[in-house]
């Protein structure tokens, strides 16, 4: 998990840097596109990491009930579908 975060961060930032540097060379600008590319790479890495952690927690075994575990029953019985009055309790 940690290595995937590191690789995602490094690849996103490096790709953003090279794309921005290429645009700076092409349009003869100073460092504007390089900075934008690096920032976009950081944003992409943050979004990817958030999705990765969300998927990890969604599939975490502590979040699901193991098979064969007892279920809890409600202490209040179900009604027959008729509306309840305030005085019926």
N, C-alpha and C. Protein backbone atom coordinates (compact mmCIF):
# COMPACT_ATOMS: atom_id res chain seq x y z
N UNK A 1 0.83 -1.19 0.00
CA UNK A 1 0.00 0.00 0.00
C UNK A 1 0.87 1.25 0.00
N UNK A 2 1.86 1.29 0.87
CA UNK A 2 2.73 2.46 0.94
C UNK A 2 3.56 2.61 -0.32
N UNK A 3 4.01 1.49 -0.87
CA UNK A 3 4.81 1.57 -2.10
C UNK A 3 3.96 2.05 -3.26
N UNK A 4 2.69 1.64 -3.31
CA UNK A 4 1.82 2.09 -4.38
C UNK A 4 1.58 3.60 -4.27
N UNK A 5 1.45 4.10 -3.05
CA UNK A 5 1.31 5.54 -2.87
C UNK A 5 2.55 6.27 -3.35
N UNK A 6 3.72 5.77 -2.99
CA UNK A 6 4.97 6.40 -3.40
C UNK A 6 5.17 6.38 -4.90
N UNK A 7 4.86 5.26 -5.51
CA UNK A 7 5.01 5.15 -6.97
C UNK A 7 4.03 6.07 -7.67
N UNK A 8 2.79 6.11 -7.19
CA UNK A 8 1.78 6.99 -7.80
C UNK A 8 2.20 8.45 -7.70
N UNK A 9 2.70 8.84 -6.54
CA UNK A 9 3.14 10.22 -6.34
C UNK A 9 4.31 10.55 -7.26
N UNK A 10 5.30 9.68 -7.30
CA UNK A 10 6.49 9.94 -8.12
C UNK A 10 6.15 10.00 -9.61
N UNK A 11 5.39 9.04 -10.08
CA UNK A 11 5.07 8.99 -11.51
C UNK A 11 4.23 10.20 -11.91
N UNK A 12 3.24 10.55 -11.10
CA UNK A 12 2.38 11.68 -11.43
C UNK A 12 3.16 12.99 -11.49
N UNK A 13 4.01 13.21 -10.52
CA UNK A 13 4.78 14.46 -10.48
C UNK A 13 5.80 14.50 -11.62
N UNK A 14 6.48 13.39 -11.87
CA UNK A 14 7.47 13.36 -12.95
C UNK A 14 6.81 13.55 -14.31
N UNK A 15 5.68 12.90 -14.54
CA UNK A 15 4.97 13.11 -15.81
C UNK A 15 4.50 14.56 -15.95
N UNK A 16 3.99 15.13 -14.86
CA UNK A 16 3.58 16.53 -14.89
C UNK A 16 4.74 17.46 -15.17
N UNK A 17 5.90 17.15 -14.58
CA UNK A 17 7.09 17.96 -14.82
C UNK A 17 7.51 17.91 -16.29
N UNK A 18 7.60 16.70 -16.84
CA UNK A 18 8.05 16.57 -18.23
C UNK A 18 7.05 17.18 -19.22
N UNK A 19 5.77 17.01 -18.95
CA UNK A 19 4.77 17.61 -19.83
C UNK A 19 4.84 19.14 -19.75
N UNK A 20 4.99 19.68 -18.55
CA UNK A 20 5.11 21.12 -18.40
C UNK A 20 6.39 21.67 -19.00
N UNK A 21 7.48 20.94 -18.84
CA UNK A 21 8.75 21.36 -19.42
C UNK A 21 8.68 21.36 -20.96
N UNK A 22 8.02 20.34 -21.51
CA UNK A 22 7.86 20.28 -22.96
C UNK A 22 7.03 21.47 -23.46
N UNK A 23 5.95 21.80 -22.75
CA UNK A 23 5.14 22.95 -23.13
C UNK A 23 5.91 24.26 -22.98
N UNK A 24 6.72 24.38 -21.94
CA UNK A 24 7.54 25.58 -21.77
C UNK A 24 8.52 25.73 -22.92
N UNK A 25 9.14 24.65 -23.36
CA UNK A 25 10.05 24.71 -24.50
C UNK A 25 9.31 25.04 -25.78
N UNK A 26 8.14 24.49 -25.95
CA UNK A 26 7.37 24.68 -27.18
C UNK A 26 6.86 26.12 -27.32
N UNK A 27 6.40 26.70 -26.22
CA UNK A 27 5.83 28.04 -26.26
C UNK A 27 6.79 29.13 -25.78
N UNK A 28 8.03 28.76 -25.50
CA UNK A 28 9.05 29.70 -25.04
C UNK A 28 8.62 30.49 -23.81
N UNK A 29 8.04 29.79 -22.86
CA UNK A 29 7.68 30.42 -21.59
C UNK A 29 8.72 30.02 -20.55
N UNK A 30 8.75 30.72 -19.46
CA UNK A 30 9.80 30.49 -18.47
C UNK A 30 9.59 29.14 -17.76
N UNK A 31 8.78 29.13 -16.73
CA UNK A 31 8.60 27.92 -15.93
C UNK A 31 7.13 27.72 -15.57
N UNK A 32 6.27 28.48 -16.20
CA UNK A 32 4.85 28.47 -15.86
C UNK A 32 4.23 27.08 -16.05
N UNK A 33 4.40 26.49 -17.22
CA UNK A 33 3.77 25.20 -17.50
C UNK A 33 4.41 24.07 -16.69
N UNK A 34 5.67 24.20 -16.36
CA UNK A 34 6.32 23.20 -15.51
C UNK A 34 5.69 23.20 -14.12
N UNK A 35 5.47 24.38 -13.56
CA UNK A 35 4.82 24.46 -12.25
C UNK A 35 3.39 23.95 -12.29
N UNK A 36 2.67 24.30 -13.34
CA UNK A 36 1.30 23.81 -13.50
C UNK A 36 1.28 22.29 -13.63
N UNK A 37 2.23 21.75 -14.40
CA UNK A 37 2.30 20.31 -14.57
C UNK A 37 2.60 19.59 -13.27
N UNK A 38 3.52 20.12 -12.48
CA UNK A 38 3.84 19.51 -11.19
C UNK A 38 2.65 19.58 -10.24
N UNK A 39 1.96 20.71 -10.21
CA UNK A 39 0.78 20.84 -9.35
C UNK A 39 -0.34 19.90 -9.79
N UNK A 40 -0.54 19.77 -11.09
CA UNK A 40 -1.56 18.83 -11.58
C UNK A 40 -1.17 17.40 -11.25
N UNK A 41 0.12 17.10 -11.30
CA UNK A 41 0.59 15.78 -10.90
C UNK A 41 0.31 15.49 -9.43
N UNK A 42 0.52 16.49 -8.58
CA UNK A 42 0.22 16.32 -7.16
C UNK A 42 -1.27 16.11 -6.91
N UNK A 43 -2.10 16.86 -7.63
CA UNK A 43 -3.55 16.70 -7.49
C UNK A 43 -3.98 15.31 -7.95
N UNK A 44 -3.43 14.86 -9.08
CA UNK A 44 -3.76 13.54 -9.59
C UNK A 44 -3.33 12.45 -8.60
N UNK A 45 -2.17 12.61 -7.98
CA UNK A 45 -1.70 11.64 -6.99
C UNK A 45 -2.61 11.63 -5.76
N UNK A 46 -3.06 12.80 -5.33
CA UNK A 46 -3.96 12.88 -4.17
C UNK A 46 -5.30 12.22 -4.46
N UNK A 47 -5.84 12.45 -5.64
CA UNK A 47 -7.11 11.83 -6.02
C UNK A 47 -6.95 10.31 -6.12
N UNK A 48 -5.87 9.87 -6.72
CA UNK A 48 -5.63 8.44 -6.84
C UNK A 48 -5.46 7.79 -5.47
N UNK A 49 -4.77 8.45 -4.58
CA UNK A 49 -4.58 7.91 -3.23
C UNK A 49 -5.91 7.86 -2.48
N UNK A 50 -6.74 8.87 -2.62
CA UNK A 50 -8.04 8.87 -1.96
C UNK A 50 -8.90 7.72 -2.47
N UNK A 51 -8.89 7.49 -3.77
CA UNK A 51 -9.65 6.36 -4.32
C UNK A 51 -9.09 5.03 -3.84
N UNK A 52 -7.78 4.93 -3.74
CA UNK A 52 -7.14 3.70 -3.29
C UNK A 52 -7.53 3.40 -1.84
N UNK A 53 -7.47 4.40 -0.97
CA UNK A 53 -7.85 4.20 0.42
C UNK A 53 -9.34 3.92 0.57
N UNK A 54 -10.17 4.57 -0.24
CA UNK A 54 -11.61 4.30 -0.17
C UNK A 54 -11.90 2.86 -0.56
N UNK A 55 -11.24 2.37 -1.59
CA UNK A 55 -11.44 0.98 -2.00
C UNK A 55 -10.91 0.02 -0.94
N UNK A 56 -9.81 0.38 -0.31
CA UNK A 56 -9.25 -0.48 0.73
C UNK A 56 -10.18 -0.57 1.92
N UNK A 57 -10.73 0.55 2.37
CA UNK A 57 -11.63 0.53 3.51
C UNK A 57 -12.97 -0.09 3.18
N UNK A 58 -13.40 0.01 1.93
CA UNK A 58 -14.66 -0.59 1.52
C UNK A 58 -14.54 -2.12 1.55
N UNK A 59 -13.37 -2.65 1.20
CA UNK A 59 -13.17 -4.09 1.15
C UNK A 59 -12.49 -4.63 2.41
N UNK A 60 -12.37 -3.82 3.43
CA UNK A 60 -11.70 -4.23 4.66
C UNK A 60 -12.52 -5.29 5.38
N UNK A 61 -11.88 -6.34 5.90
CA UNK A 61 -12.64 -7.39 6.60
C UNK A 61 -13.27 -6.90 7.90
N UNK A 62 -12.75 -5.86 8.51
CA UNK A 62 -13.34 -5.37 9.75
C UNK A 62 -14.66 -4.65 9.50
N UNK A 63 -14.91 -4.26 8.27
CA UNK A 63 -16.14 -3.55 7.95
C UNK A 63 -17.29 -4.51 7.63
N UNK A 64 -17.00 -5.75 7.32
CA UNK A 64 -18.04 -6.70 6.96
C UNK A 64 -18.26 -7.68 8.09
N UNK A 65 -19.47 -8.22 8.17
CA UNK A 65 -19.81 -9.20 9.20
C UNK A 65 -19.36 -10.57 8.72
N UNK A 66 -18.62 -11.30 9.51
CA UNK A 66 -18.18 -12.62 9.08
C UNK A 66 -19.36 -13.57 8.93
N UNK A 67 -19.21 -14.53 8.05
CA UNK A 67 -20.30 -15.49 7.84
C UNK A 67 -20.43 -16.35 9.09
N UNK A 68 -21.66 -16.67 9.40
CA UNK A 68 -21.92 -17.49 10.57
C UNK A 68 -22.05 -16.68 11.86
N UNK A 69 -21.85 -15.38 11.80
CA UNK A 69 -21.98 -14.56 13.00
C UNK A 69 -23.46 -14.37 13.30
N UNK A 70 -23.81 -14.35 14.57
CA UNK A 70 -25.22 -14.18 14.91
C UNK A 70 -25.72 -12.78 14.54
N UNK A 71 -26.96 -12.74 14.15
CA UNK A 71 -27.58 -11.46 13.82
C UNK A 71 -28.35 -10.97 15.03
N UNK A 72 -28.56 -9.69 15.09
CA UNK A 72 -29.32 -9.13 16.20
C UNK A 72 -30.77 -8.99 15.78
N UNK A 73 -31.65 -9.18 16.72
CA UNK A 73 -33.08 -9.02 16.43
C UNK A 73 -33.56 -7.73 17.06
N UNK A 74 -34.57 -7.20 16.48
CA UNK A 74 -35.13 -5.95 16.98
C UNK A 74 -35.92 -6.23 18.25
N UNK A 75 -35.87 -5.32 19.19
CA UNK A 75 -36.65 -5.46 20.42
C UNK A 75 -38.07 -4.98 20.22
N UNK A 76 -38.34 -4.34 19.12
CA UNK A 76 -39.67 -3.82 18.84
C UNK A 76 -40.29 -4.67 17.73
N UNK A 77 -41.44 -5.25 17.94
CA UNK A 77 -42.06 -6.09 16.92
C UNK A 77 -42.60 -5.24 15.76
N UNK A 78 -42.68 -5.85 14.61
CA UNK A 78 -43.22 -5.16 13.44
C UNK A 78 -44.72 -5.06 13.55
N UNK A 79 -45.30 -4.00 13.00
CA UNK A 79 -46.75 -3.86 13.02
C UNK A 79 -47.33 -4.47 11.75
N UNK A 80 -48.63 -4.51 11.66
CA UNK A 80 -49.29 -5.13 10.51
C UNK A 80 -49.50 -4.16 9.36
N UNK A 81 -48.89 -3.01 9.40
CA UNK A 81 -49.01 -2.03 8.33
C UNK A 81 -49.96 -0.91 8.62
N UNK A 82 -50.65 -0.98 9.73
CA UNK A 82 -51.58 0.09 10.08
C UNK A 82 -50.82 1.19 10.81
N UNK A 83 -51.23 2.43 10.64
CA UNK A 83 -50.54 3.53 11.32
C UNK A 83 -50.69 3.40 12.83
N UNK A 84 -49.65 3.78 13.53
CA UNK A 84 -49.67 3.72 14.99
C UNK A 84 -50.23 5.01 15.56
N UNK A 85 -51.04 4.88 16.60
CA UNK A 85 -51.51 6.06 17.33
C UNK A 85 -50.52 6.39 18.42
N UNK A 86 -50.57 7.61 18.90
CA UNK A 86 -49.67 8.00 19.99
C UNK A 86 -50.04 7.28 21.29
N UNK A 87 -51.30 6.90 21.45
CA UNK A 87 -51.76 6.28 22.69
C UNK A 87 -51.51 4.77 22.71
N UNK A 88 -51.08 4.19 21.60
CA UNK A 88 -50.98 2.73 21.54
C UNK A 88 -49.74 2.19 22.23
N UNK A 89 -48.78 3.02 22.60
CA UNK A 89 -47.56 2.53 23.24
C UNK A 89 -47.77 2.19 24.64
